[in-house]
PDB file of N, CA and C in Angstrom:
ATOM      1  N   MET A   1     167.159  59.563-224.129  1.00  0.00           N
ATOM      2  CA  MET A   1     166.183  60.221-222.200  1.00  0.00           C
ATOM      3  C   MET A   1     166.250  61.446-222.168  1.00  0.00           C
ATOM      4  N   LYS A   2     165.265  62.556-222.402  1.00  0.00           N
ATOM      5  CA  LYS A   2     165.709  63.887-221.968  1.00  0.00           C
ATOM      6  C   LYS A   2     164.591  64.628-221.039  1.00  0.00           C
ATOM      7  N   THR A   3     163.723  63.994-220.506  1.00  0.00           N
ATOM      8  CA  THR A   3     162.443  63.938-219.792  1.00  0.00           C
ATOM      9  C   THR A   3     162.589  63.162-218.264  1.00  0.00           C
ATOM     10  N   LYS A   4     162.120  63.288-217.298  1.00  0.00           N
ATOM     11  CA  LYS A   4     161.842  61.774-216.558  1.00  0.00           C
ATOM     12  C   LYS A   4     160.814  61.230-216.637  1.00  0.00           C
ATOM     13  N   ALA A   5     159.951  61.566-217.583  1.00  0.00           N
ATOM     14  CA  ALA A   5     158.642  60.080-217.576  1.00  0.00           C
ATOM     15  C   ALA A   5     160.121  59.318-218.677  1.00  0.00           C
ATOM     16  N   ASP A   6     160.927  59.545-219.331  1.00  0.00           N
ATOM     17  CA  ASP A   6     161.752  58.791-220.290  1.00  0.00           C
ATOM     18  C   ASP A   6     162.633  57.839-219.615  1.00  0.00           C
ATOM     19  N   VAL A   7     163.190  58.717-218.503  1.00  0.00           N
ATOM     20  CA  VAL A   7     164.401  57.566-216.809  1.00  0.00           C
ATOM     21  C   VAL A   7     163.675  57.267-216.717  1.00  0.00           C
ATOM     22  N   ALA A   8     161.516  57.049-216.411  1.00  0.00           N
ATOM     23  CA  ALA A   8     161.578  56.330-215.807  1.00  0.00           C
ATOM     24  C   ALA A   8     161.172  55.352-216.635  1.00  0.00           C
ATOM     25  N   SER A   9     160.012  55.623-217.564  1.00  0.00           N
ATOM     26  CA  SER A   9     160.442  54.739-218.489  1.00  0.00           C
ATOM     27  C   SER A   9     161.842  53.483-218.877  1.00  0.00           C
ATOM     28  N   TYR A  10     162.974  54.186-219.624  1.00  0.00           N
ATOM     29  CA  TYR A  10     164.289  53.853-219.129  1.00  0.00           C
ATOM     30  C   TYR A  10     164.022  52.516-218.476  1.00  0.00           C
ATOM     31  N   ILE A  11     163.974  53.370-217.129  1.00  0.00           N
ATOM     32  CA  ILE A  11     164.350  52.028-215.373  1.00  0.00           C
ATOM     33  C   ILE A  11     163.222  51.461-215.475  1.00  0.00           C
ATOM     34  N   SER A  12     161.855  51.301-216.075  1.00  0.00           N
ATOM     35  CA  SER A  12     160.611  50.161-216.268  1.00  0.00           C
ATOM     36  C   SER A  12     161.116  49.340-217.205  1.00  0.00           C
ATOM     37  N   ARG A  13     161.362  49.694-218.362  1.00  0.00           N
ATOM     38  CA  ARG A  13     161.765  48.617-219.662  1.00  0.00           C
ATOM     39  C   ARG A  13     162.745  48.005-219.268  1.00  0.00           C
ATOM     40  N   SER A  14     164.210  48.095-218.986  1.00  0.00           N
ATOM     41  CA  SER A  14     165.653  47.806-217.851  1.00  0.00           C
ATOM     42  C   SER A  14     165.395  46.849-217.066  1.00  0.00           C
ATOM     43  N   ILE A  15     164.384  47.034-216.307  1.00  0.00           N
ATOM     44  CA  ILE A  15     163.964  45.944-215.177  1.00  0.00           C
ATOM     45  C   ILE A  15     163.197  45.352-216.316  1.00  0.00           C
ATOM     46  N   LEU A  16     162.305  44.976-216.642  1.00  0.00           N
ATOM     47  CA  LEU A  16     161.195  44.669-217.451  1.00  0.00           C
ATOM     48  C   LEU A  16     162.913  43.516-218.124  1.00  0.00           C
ATOM     49  N   LEU A  17     163.324  44.129-219.060  1.00  0.00           N
ATOM     50  CA  LEU A  17     164.237  43.075-220.216  1.00  0.00           C
ATOM     51  C   LEU A  17     165.052  42.348-218.942  1.00  0.00           C
ATOM     52  N   SER A  18     165.043  42.434-217.725  1.00  0.00           N
ATOM     53  CA  SER A  18     166.511  42.362-217.126  1.00  0.00           C
ATOM     54  C   SER A  18     166.371  40.897-216.180  1.00  0.00           C
ATOM     55  N   GLY A  19     164.416  40.585-215.707  1.00  0.00           N
ATOM     56  CA  GLY A  19     164.015  39.303-215.376  1.00  0.00           C
ATOM     57  C   GLY A  19     163.982  39.106-214.237  1.00  0.00           C
ATOM     58  N   LYS A  20     164.187  39.996-214.068  1.00  0.00           N
ATOM     59  CA  LYS A  20     164.493  40.222-212.067  1.00  0.00           C
ATOM     60  C   LYS A  20     162.907  41.056-211.902  1.00  0.00           C
ATOM     61  N   SER A  21     162.547  40.968-210.359  1.00  0.00           N
ATOM     62  CA  SER A  21     161.611  41.847-210.176  1.00  0.00           C
ATOM     63  C   SER A  21     162.350  43.168-209.070  1.00  0.00           C
ATOM     64  N   ASN A  22     161.011  43.666-208.899  1.00  0.00           N
ATOM     65  CA  ASN A  22     161.735  44.769-208.045  1.00  0.00           C
ATOM     66  C   ASN A  22     162.460  44.837-206.998  1.00  0.00           C
ATOM     67  N   ILE A  23     162.362  43.815-206.587  1.00  0.00           N
ATOM     68  CA  ILE A  23     162.832  43.236-204.577  1.00  0.00           C
ATOM     69  C   ILE A  23     163.745  42.344-205.348  1.00  0.00           C
ATOM     70  N   GLN A  24     164.768  42.435-206.608  1.00  0.00           N
ATOM     71  CA  GLN A  24     165.724  41.771-206.462  1.00  0.00           C
ATOM     72  C   GLN A  24     166.286  42.437-206.977  1.00  0.00           C
ATOM     73  N   ILE A  25     165.822  43.407-207.608  1.00  0.00           N
ATOM     74  CA  ILE A  25     166.766  44.465-208.010  1.00  0.00           C
ATOM     75  C   ILE A  25     167.429  45.170-206.949  1.00  0.00           C
ATOM     76  N   ALA A  26     165.729  45.761-205.772  1.00  0.00           N
ATOM     77  CA  ALA A  26     166.505  47.198-204.540  1.00  0.00           C
ATOM     78  C   ALA A  26     167.161  45.859-203.980  1.00  0.00           C
ATOM     79  N   ALA A  27     167.275  44.666-204.085  1.00  0.00           N
ATOM     80  CA  ALA A  27     168.463  44.387-202.963  1.00  0.00           C
ATOM     81  C   ALA A  27     169.717  44.168-203.569  1.00  0.00           C
ATOM     82  N   GLU A  28     170.008  44.193-204.526  1.00  0.00           N
ATOM     83  CA  GLU A  28     171.359  44.527-205.192  1.00  0.00           C
ATOM     84  C   GLU A  28     171.759  46.099-205.594  1.00  0.00           C
ATOM     85  N   ALA A  29     171.014  46.886-205.824  1.00  0.00           N
ATOM     86  CA  ALA A  29     171.165  47.883-205.914  1.00  0.00           C
ATOM     87  C   ALA A  29     170.818  49.163-204.570  1.00  0.00           C
ATOM     88  N   GLY A  30     170.736  48.330-203.106  1.00  0.00           N
ATOM     89  CA  GLY A  30     171.368  48.754-202.501  1.00  0.00           C
ATOM     90  C   GLY A  30     170.284  49.926-201.727  1.00  0.00           C
ATOM     91  N   PHE A  31     168.734  49.164-202.571  1.00  0.00           N
ATOM     92  CA  PHE A  31     167.941  51.111-201.778  1.00  0.00           C
ATOM     93  C   PHE A  31     167.290  49.118-200.451  1.00  0.00           C
ATOM     94  N   PRO A  32     166.939  50.145-199.194  1.00  0.00           N
ATOM     95  CA  PRO A  32     166.936  49.375-198.400  1.00  0.00           C
ATOM     96  C   PRO A  32     165.166  48.213-198.371  1.00  0.00           C
ATOM     97  N   ASN A  33     164.421  49.964-199.314  1.00  0.00           N
ATOM     98  CA  ASN A  33     162.897  49.303-199.686  1.00  0.00           C
ATOM     99  C   ASN A  33     162.693  49.744-200.568  1.00  0.00           C
ATOM    100  N   PRO A  34     161.891  48.406-200.743  1.00  0.00           N
ATOM    101  CA  PRO A  34     162.221  47.887-202.596  1.00  0.00           C
ATOM    102  C   PRO A  34     160.791  48.754-203.830  1.00  0.00           C
ATOM    103  N   ASN A  35     160.269  49.395-202.574  1.00  0.00           N
ATOM    104  CA  ASN A  35     158.385  50.261-203.493  1.00  0.00           C
ATOM    105  C   ASN A  35     159.592  51.687-204.320  1.00  0.00           C
ATOM    106  N   ILE A  36     160.766  51.681-203.455  1.00  0.00           N
ATOM    107  CA  ILE A  36     161.824  53.038-203.762  1.00  0.00           C
ATOM    108  C   ILE A  36     161.617  52.809-205.440  1.00  0.00           C
ATOM    109  N   ILE A  37     161.734  51.550-206.059  1.00  0.00           N
ATOM    110  CA  ILE A  37     162.050  51.100-207.398  1.00  0.00           C
ATOM    111  C   ILE A  37     160.719  51.056-207.822  1.00  0.00           C
ATOM    112  N   SER A  38     159.653  50.902-207.414  1.00  0.00           N
ATOM    113  CA  SER A  38     158.239  51.567-208.278  1.00  0.00           C
ATOM    114  C   SER A  38     157.677  52.690-208.171  1.00  0.00           C
ATOM    115  N   MET A  39     158.320  53.399-206.770  1.00  0.00           N
ATOM    116  CA  MET A  39     157.967  54.915-207.378  1.00  0.00           C
ATOM    117  C   MET A  39     159.118  55.846-207.914  1.00  0.00           C
ATOM    118  N   ILE A  40     160.214  55.254-208.555  1.00  0.00           N
ATOM    119  CA  ILE A  40     160.612  55.501-209.531  1.00  0.00           C
ATOM    120  C   ILE A  40     160.599  55.672-211.057  1.00  0.00           C
ATOM    121  N   LYS A  41     160.070  54.430-210.789  1.00  0.00           N
ATOM    122  CA  LYS A  41     159.618  53.638-211.988  1.00  0.00           C
ATOM    123  C   LYS A  41     158.147  54.276-212.515  1.00  0.00           C
ATOM    124  N   SER A  42     157.320  55.180-212.019  1.00  0.00           N
ATOM    125  CA  SER A  42     155.760  55.243-212.106  1.00  0.00           C
ATOM    126  C   SER A  42     157.117  57.315-212.637  1.00  0.00           C
ATOM    127  N   GLY A  43     157.429  57.631-212.059  1.00  0.00           N
ATOM    128  CA  GLY A  43     158.177  58.541-211.890  1.00  0.00           C
ATOM    129  C   GLY A  43     157.545  59.666-210.657  1.00  0.00           C
ATOM    130  N   LYS A  44     157.206  59.361-209.788  1.00  0.00           N
ATOM    131  CA  LYS A  44     156.899  59.683-208.795  1.00  0.00           C
ATOM    132  C   LYS A  44     158.314  60.220-207.436  1.00  0.00           C
ATOM    133  N   THR A  45     159.075  59.712-207.586  1.00  0.00           N
ATOM    134  CA  THR A  45     160.412  59.696-207.055  1.00  0.00           C
ATOM    135  C   THR A  45     161.829  60.085-208.445  1.00  0.00           C
ATOM    136  N   PRO A  46     162.380  61.325-207.897  1.00  0.00           N
ATOM    137  CA  PRO A  46     163.709  60.988-209.337  1.00  0.00           C
ATOM    138  C   PRO A  46     164.702  59.704-208.944  1.00  0.00           C
ATOM    139  N   MET A  47     165.179  59.358-209.745  1.00  0.00           N
ATOM    140  CA  MET A  47     165.949  58.445-209.790  1.00  0.00           C
ATOM    141  C   MET A  47     167.441  59.551-208.572  1.00  0.00           C
ATOM    142  N   PRO A  48     167.835  58.765-207.339  1.00  0.00           N
ATOM    143  CA  PRO A  48     169.139  59.236-207.170  1.00  0.00           C
ATOM    144  C   PRO A  48     170.307  58.794-207.697  1.00  0.00           C
ATOM    145  N   MET A  49     170.914  60.072-208.043  1.00  0.00           N
ATOM    146  CA  MET A  49     172.339  59.713-208.612  1.00  0.00           C
ATOM    147  C   MET A  49     173.297  58.945-208.399  1.00  0.00           C
ATOM    148  N   ALA A  50     173.576  58.660-206.493  1.00  0.00           N
ATOM    149  CA  ALA A  50     173.848  58.120-206.368  1.00  0.00           C
ATOM    150  C   ALA A  50     174.281  56.614-206.416  1.00  0.00           C
ATOM    151  N   ARG A  51     172.685  56.794-206.531  1.00  0.00           N
ATOM    152  CA  ARG A  51     172.436  55.268-206.548  1.00  0.00           C
ATOM    153  C   ARG A  51     172.614  53.958-208.434  1.00  0.00           C
ATOM    154  N   ILE A  52     173.589  55.763-209.211  1.00  0.00           N
ATOM    155  CA  ILE A  52     172.660  54.926-211.089  1.00  0.00           C
ATOM    156  C   ILE A  52     173.867  54.111-211.080  1.00  0.00           C
ATOM    157  N   PRO A  53     175.265  54.233-211.201  1.00  0.00           N
ATOM    158  CA  PRO A  53     175.985  52.349-210.989  1.00  0.00           C
ATOM    159  C   PRO A  53     175.049  51.590-210.765  1.00  0.00           C
ATOM    160  N   ALA A  54     175.116  51.017-209.470  1.00  0.00           N
ATOM    161  CA  ALA A  54     174.413  49.945-208.488  1.00  0.00           C
ATOM    162  C   ALA A  54     173.111  50.106-209.306  1.00  0.00           C
ATOM    163  N   LEU A  55     172.130  51.285-209.530  1.00  0.00           N
ATOM    164  CA  LEU A  55     171.186  50.470-210.260  1.00  0.00           C
ATOM    165  C   LEU A  55     171.525  49.380-211.594  1.00  0.00           C
ATOM    166  N   ALA A  56     172.150  50.151-212.488  1.00  0.00           N
ATOM    167  CA  ALA A  56     172.655  50.476-213.575  1.00  0.00           C
ATOM    168  C   ALA A  56     173.348  48.740-214.107  1.00  0.00           C
ATOM    169  N   LYS A  57     174.053  48.307-212.839  1.00  0.00           N
ATOM    170  CA  LYS A  57     174.572  47.160-212.933  1.00  0.00           C
ATOM    171  C   LYS A  57     173.473  46.230-212.461  1.00  0.00           C
ATOM    172  N   ALA A  58     172.654  46.297-211.242  1.00  0.00           N
ATOM    173  CA  ALA A  58     171.463  45.605-211.367  1.00  0.00           C
ATOM    174  C   ALA A  58     170.492  45.607-212.330  1.00  0.00           C
ATOM    175  N   MET A  59     170.334  46.043-213.177  1.00  0.00           N
ATOM    176  CA  MET A  59     169.361  45.795-214.170  1.00  0.00           C
ATOM    177  C   MET A  59     170.260  45.681-215.556  1.00  0.00           C
ATOM    178  N   GLY A  60     171.524  45.500-215.468  1.00  0.00           N
ATOM    179  CA  GLY A  60     171.912  44.685-216.686  1.00  0.00           C
ATOM    180  C   GLY A  60     172.807  46.007-217.722  1.00  0.00           C
ATOM    181  N   THR A  61     172.512  46.553-217.234  1.00  0.00           N
ATOM    182  CA  THR A  61     172.571  48.192-218.582  1.00  0.00           C
ATOM    183  C   THR A  61     173.849  49.086-218.371  1.00  0.00           C
ATOM    184  N   ASP A  62     174.388  50.219-219.738  1.00  0.00           N
ATOM    185  CA  ASP A  62     175.283  50.788-219.036  1.00  0.00           C
ATOM    186  C   ASP A  62     175.076  51.992-218.064  1.00  0.00           C
ATOM    187  N   PRO A  63     175.805  52.150-216.729  1.00  0.00           N
ATOM    188  CA  PRO A  63     175.392  53.488-216.239  1.00  0.00           C
ATOM    189  C   PRO A  63     175.804  54.637-216.537  1.00  0.00           C
ATOM    190  N   LYS A  64     176.464  55.180-217.843  1.00  0.00           N
ATOM    191  CA  LYS A  64     176.680  56.067-218.484  1.00  0.00           C
ATOM    192  C   LYS A  64     175.464  56.555-219.397  1.00  0.00           C
ATOM    193  N   VAL A  65     174.456  56.034-219.936  1.00  0.00           N
ATOM    194  CA  VAL A  65     173.742  55.918-220.811  1.00  0.00           C
ATOM    195  C   VAL A  65     172.104  56.454-219.705  1.00  0.00           C
ATOM    196  N   LEU A  66     172.674  55.575-218.674  1.00  0.00           N
ATOM    197  CA  LEU A  66     171.142  56.230-217.146  1.00  0.00           C
ATOM    198  C   LEU A  66     172.351  57.654-216.601  1.00  0.00           C
ATOM    199  N   LEU A  67     173.286  57.639-216.108  1.00  0.00           N
ATOM    200  CA  LEU A  67     173.540  58.861-216.286  1.00  0.00           C
ATOM    201  C   LEU A  67     173.721  60.354-216.643  1.00  0.00           C
ATOM    202  N   ASP A  68     173.629  59.740-218.055  1.00  0.00           N
ATOM    203  CA  ASP A  68     173.117  60.346-219.184  1.00  0.00           C
ATOM    204  C   ASP A  68     171.525  61.164-219.540  1.00  0.00           C
ATOM    205  N   GLY A  69     171.268  60.421-219.435  1.00  0.00           N
ATOM    206  CA  GLY A  69     169.636  60.481-219.137  1.00  0.00           C
ATOM    207  C   GLY A  69     168.910  61.281-217.833  1.00  0.00           C
ATOM    208  N   CYS A  70     169.840  60.786-216.923  1.00  0.00           N
ATOM    209  CA  CYS A  70     168.886  61.249-215.099  1.00  0.00           C
ATOM    210  C   CYS A  70     169.989  63.040-216.201  1.00  0.00           C
ATOM    211  N   LEU A  71     171.072  63.586-215.421  1.00  0.00           N
ATOM    212  CA  LEU A  71     171.509  63.868-216.169  1.00  0.00           C
ATOM    213  C   LEU A  71     170.840  64.937-216.488  1.00  0.00           C
ATOM    214  N   ALA A  72     170.315  64.874-217.541  1.00  0.00           N
ATOM    215  CA  ALA A  72     169.321  65.332-218.769  1.00  0.00           C
ATOM    216  C   ALA A  72     168.151  65.892-218.177  1.00  0.00           C
ATOM    217  N   ALA A  73     167.504  65.309-217.952  1.00  0.00           N
ATOM    218  CA  ALA A  73     166.134  64.360-217.132  1.00  0.00           C
ATOM    219  C   ALA A  73     165.962  66.220-215.311  1.00  0.00           C
ATOM    220  N   TYR A  74     167.283  65.121-214.839  1.00  0.00           N
ATOM    221  CA  TYR A  74     167.144  66.518-213.527  1.00  0.00           C
ATOM    222  C   TYR A  74     167.248  67.232-213.462  1.00  0.00           C
ATOM    223  N   HIS A  75     168.946  67.338-214.311  1.00  0.00           N
ATOM    224  CA  HIS A  75     169.977  68.528-214.166  1.00  0.00           C
ATOM    225  C   HIS A  75     170.469  69.017-214.680  1.00  0.00           C
ATOM    226  N   PRO A  76     169.630  70.123-215.998  1.00  0.00           N
ATOM    227  CA  PRO A  76     169.769  69.800-217.714  1.00  0.00           C
ATOM    228  C   PRO A  76     171.246  71.077-217.586  1.00  0.00           C
ATOM    229  N   GLU A  77     170.917  71.887-216.930  1.00  0.00           N
ATOM    230  CA  GLU A  77     171.883  72.821-216.945  1.00  0.00           C
ATOM    231  C   GLU A  77     173.800  72.237-216.438  1.00  0.00           C
ATOM    232  N   LEU A  78     173.895  71.418-215.735  1.00  0.00           N
ATOM    233  CA  LEU A  78     174.580  70.862-214.970  1.00  0.00           C
ATOM    234  C   LEU A  78     175.053  69.457-216.651  1.00  0.00           C
ATOM    235  N   HIS A  79     174.039  68.929-217.003  1.00  0.00           N
ATOM    236  CA  HIS A  79     174.275  68.348-218.121  1.00  0.00           C
ATOM    237  C   HIS A  79     174.453  69.051-219.109  1.00  0.00           C
ATOM    238  N   LYS A  80     174.300  69.562-219.794  1.00  0.00           N
ATOM    239  CA  LYS A  80     174.509  70.987-220.420  1.00  0.00           C
ATOM    240  C   LYS A  80     176.603  71.241-220.539  1.00  0.00           C
ATOM    241  N   VAL A  81     176.584  71.501-219.061  1.00  0.00           N
ATOM    242  CA  VAL A  81     178.141  71.910-219.248  1.00  0.00           C
ATOM    243  C   VAL A  81     178.675  70.478-219.205  1.00  0.00           C
ATOM    244  N   ILE A  82     178.249  69.180-218.547  1.00  0.00           N
ATOM    245  CA  ILE A  82     179.353  68.245-218.468  1.00  0.00           C
ATOM    246  C   ILE A  82     179.771  68.088-220.324  1.00  0.00           C
ATOM    247  N   SER A  83     177.944  68.280-220.852  1.00  0.00           N
ATOM    248  CA  SER A  83     178.399  67.240-222.305  1.00  0.00           C
ATOM    249  C   SER A  83     179.110  68.078-222.927  1.00  0.00           C
ATOM    250  N   THR A  84     179.098  70.065-222.986  1.00  0.00           N
ATOM    251  CA  THR A  84     180.603  70.810-223.032  1.00  0.00           C
ATOM    252  C   THR A  84     181.769  70.197-222.578  1.00  0.00           C
ATOM    253  N   LEU A  85     181.805  70.921-221.830  1.00  0.00           N
ATOM    254  CA  LEU A  85     184.067  70.240-221.585  1.00  0.00           C
ATOM    255  C   LEU A  85     184.135  68.876-221.253  1.00  0.00           C
ATOM    256  N   ALA A  86     183.107  68.203-221.355  1.00  0.00           N
ATOM    257  CA  ALA A  86     183.748  66.283-220.478  1.00  0.00           C
ATOM    258  C   ALA A  86     183.025  65.875-221.614  1.00  0.00           C
ATOM    259  N   PRO A  87     182.651  65.669-222.742  1.00  0.00           N
ATOM    260  CA  PRO A  87     181.802  64.596-222.891  1.00  0.00           C
ATOM    261  C   PRO A  87     181.936  63.644-223.030  1.00  0.00           C
ATOM    262  N   SER A  88     183.562  62.614-222.958  1.00  0.00           N
ATOM    263  CA  SER A  88     183.589  62.134-223.191  1.00  0.00           C
ATOM    264  C   SER A  88     183.222  61.231-221.942  1.00  0.00           C
ATOM    265  N   MET A  89     182.481  61.650-220.611  1.00  0.00           N
ATOM    266  CA  MET A  89     182.144  61.164-219.364  1.00  0.00           C
ATOM    267  C   MET A  89     180.412  60.429-220.165  1.00  0.00           C
ATOM    268  N   LEU A  90     180.116  60.715-220.616  1.00  0.00           N
ATOM    269  CA  LEU A  90     178.997  60.758-220.639  1.00  0.00           C
ATOM    270  C   LEU A  90     178.895  59.896-222.543  1.00  0.00           C
ATOM    271  N   ILE A  91     179.968  59.145-222.612  1.00  0.00           N
ATOM    272  CA  ILE A  91     180.056  58.155-223.700  1.00  0.00           C
ATOM    273  C   ILE A  91     179.763  56.577-223.160  1.00  0.00           C
ATOM    274  N   SER A  92     178.843  55.719-223.786  1.00  0.00           N
ATOM    275  CA  SER A  92     178.125  55.123-223.415  1.00  0.00           C
ATOM    276  C   SER A  92     179.495  53.764-223.361  1.00  0.00           C
ATOM    277  N   ARG A  93     178.964  52.454-223.230  1.00  0.00           N
ATOM    278  CA  ARG A  93     180.455  51.349-223.345  1.00  0.00           C
ATOM    279  C   ARG A  93     179.929  50.774-225.613  1.00  0.00           C
ATOM    280  N   GLY A  94     178.527  50.728-225.948  1.00  0.00           N
ATOM    281  CA  GLY A  94     178.646  50.909-227.083  1.00  0.00           C
ATOM    282  C   GLY A  94     179.434  52.108-227.828  1.00  0.00           C
ATOM    283  N   GLU A  95     179.138  52.783-227.811  1.00  0.00           N
ATOM    284  CA  GLU A  95     179.203  53.597-228.365  1.00  0.00           C
ATOM    285  C   GLU A  95     180.674  54.186-228.311  1.00  0.00           C
ATOM    286  N   LEU A  96     181.488  53.980-227.755  1.00  0.00           N
ATOM    287  CA  LEU A  96     182.894  53.689-226.896  1.00  0.00           C
ATOM    288  C   LEU A  96     183.399  52.724-228.076  1.00  0.00           C
ATOM    289  N   SER A  97     182.781  51.279-228.306  1.00  0.00           N
ATOM    290  CA  SER A  97     182.903  50.078-229.027  1.00  0.00           C
ATOM    291  C   SER A  97     182.619  50.914-230.263  1.00  0.00           C
ATOM    292  N   VAL A  98     181.849  51.370-230.742  1.00  0.00           N
ATOM    293  CA  VAL A  98     182.214  51.919-232.320  1.00  0.00           C
ATOM    294  C   VAL A  98     183.832  52.769-232.046  1.00  0.00           C
ATOM    295  N   ILE A  99     183.728  53.508-231.281  1.00  0.00           N
ATOM    296  CA  ILE A  99     184.625  54.731-231.513  1.00  0.00           C
ATOM    297  C   ILE A  99     186.153  53.943-231.989  1.00  0.00           C
ATOM    298  N   ARG A 100     185.761  53.156-230.860  1.00  0.00           N
ATOM    299  CA  ARG A 100     187.275  51.701-231.237  1.00  0.00           C
ATOM    300  C   ARG A 100     187.769  50.783-232.485  1.00  0.00           C
ATOM    301  N   ALA A 101     186.555  50.734-232.881  1.00  0.00           N
ATOM    302  CA  ALA A 101     186.278  50.152-234.292  1.00  0.00           C
ATOM    303  C   ALA A 101     186.904  51.270-235.114  1.00  0.00           C
ATOM    304  N   LEU A 102     186.264  52.225-234.610  1.00  0.00           N
ATOM    305  CA  LEU A 102     186.376  53.643-235.948  1.00  0.00           C
ATOM    306  C   LEU A 102     188.545  53.727-235.880  1.00  0.00           C
ATOM    307  N   ARG A 103     188.497  54.008-234.718  1.00  0.00           N
ATOM    308  CA  ARG A 103     190.092  53.791-234.412  1.00  0.00           C
ATOM    309  C   ARG A 103     191.485  53.029-235.837  1.00  0.00           C
ATOM    310  N   HIS A 104     190.672  52.117-234.772  1.00  0.00           N
ATOM    311  CA  HIS A 104     190.945  50.599-235.798  1.00  0.00           C
ATOM    312  C   HIS A 104     190.994  50.621-236.754  1.00  0.00           C
ATOM    313  N   ALA A 105     189.753  50.684-237.634  1.00  0.00           N
ATOM    314  CA  ALA A 105     189.769  50.813-239.168  1.00  0.00           C
ATOM    315  C   ALA A 105     190.622  52.163-239.662  1.00  0.00           C
ATOM    316  N   VAL A 106     191.229  53.283-239.547  1.00  0.00           N
ATOM    317  CA  VAL A 106     191.184  54.035-240.001  1.00  0.00           C
ATOM    318  C   VAL A 106     192.948  54.172-239.717  1.00  0.00           C
ATOM    319  N   ARG A 107     193.302  53.576-238.505  1.00  0.00           N
ATOM    320  CA  ARG A 107     194.904  52.512-238.183  1.00  0.00           C
ATOM    321  C   ARG A 107     195.218  51.647-239.526  1.00  0.00           C
ATOM    322  N   THR A 108     194.293  50.834-239.051  1.00  0.00           N
ATOM    323  CA  THR A 108     194.731  49.674-240.309  1.00  0.00           C
ATOM    324  C   THR A 108     194.684  50.313-242.040  1.00  0.00           C
ATOM    325  N   GLY A 109     193.652  50.963-241.933  1.00  0.00           N
ATOM    326  CA  GLY A 109     193.080  51.446-243.561  1.00  0.00           C
ATOM    327  C   GLY A 109     192.087  50.397-244.480  1.00  0.00           C
ATOM    328  N   SER A 110     191.521  49.342-243.334  1.00  0.00           N
ATOM    329  CA  SER A 110     190.796  49.231-243.206  1.00  0.00           C
ATOM    330  C   SER A 110     188.671  49.253-243.574  1.00  0.00           C
ATOM    331  N   PHE A 111     189.076  50.127-243.593  1.00  0.00           N
ATOM    332  CA  PHE A 111     187.892  51.260-243.745  1.00  0.00           C
ATOM    333  C   PHE A 111     186.979  51.864-244.600  1.00  0.00           C
ATOM    334  N   ALA A 112     187.895  52.063-245.989  1.00  0.00           N
ATOM    335  CA  ALA A 112     187.848  52.237-247.350  1.00  0.00           C
ATOM    336  C   ALA A 112     186.867  52.129-248.050  1.00  0.00           C
TER     337      ALA A 112
END
């Protein structure tokens, strides 16, 4: 996800895959009006950064993936700073699992 359209598409796909309606997602994520979900999905409204954890939980996705995409799309300079100075802040659960498995393999010598 690098663009606002990518973020909107990711959110649309994630909601579709969740099997939940916009109304359900909005309620679970704490949005007072479910229309905001449609506006975010269409790209007409930017994703409110403070709602990333709640929306990701409602969609069943990794909040760091959504954060990374939103930062890249809406705040590219901040994304660059965080990616440079604190890249671990943007490591997803899936990526962390790979890192842990690699570390285990290195410790035990089982990757050779």
